């Protein structure tokens, strides 16, 4: 009975530590668009301590525990690095995902459920892209894109869709307020939007992906508990 209470307490503690990590990451990402290195250093140290307790409470074979943790790390690292190469997530997002899944107890985690998380994340990310596409296609933003595509007539329909999904035009007059963590300028060509009466410049929008990482994780977590 005492052992059951200890293991339950450990699982609850893990869940609340993940909640704290998400809360701090959310605040930092929304306010400064980056998470401090010291934050990751501290919680990776916490992760090591939690993993020691996890081994003591749930495993008898050290080699099996290490192999499962290493496989989890490699799988999460591979998928996160793939998304990083596709410029979908940033370095901080990748570190956060590795940290979370290394803290997550192996007893309630496996490769299929991790893959399920990335599917949910991809779904939510697609929704964000579609929202950006609709705004760029059916609001005052569309005029700047129309002028941009007239200048770049060799762009295919697929590339047009890609630009409208992942990019936006920001006002050139606000360039002094430009933050590299929020936008990456992709073209030095100025476009004059007559409906906004502004010169605009094309930039890649960096979404605060923590807003979809959090619901993706919780959805994965509760689906795992139900299943």
Foldseek 3Di string as FASTA:
>chain_A
DVLVVVVVVLQVVLVVVLVVLLVQLVVCCVPPVADDPVSLVVLVVVLVVSLVVLCVSPHDDPVVSVVQLVVQLVLLLVVLVVCVVVVNDHPRVSSSSSSSSSSNRPVLDDDVLVVQLVVQLVVVLVVQLVVQLCCCCPHLQVVQLVVVCVVVVVDDPVVSSVQSRFKGKDFPVCCVVDDVSAWAFDDPDWGQRVVVRGTTGMIGGDDSSSVRSVVSVVVSNVVSVVD
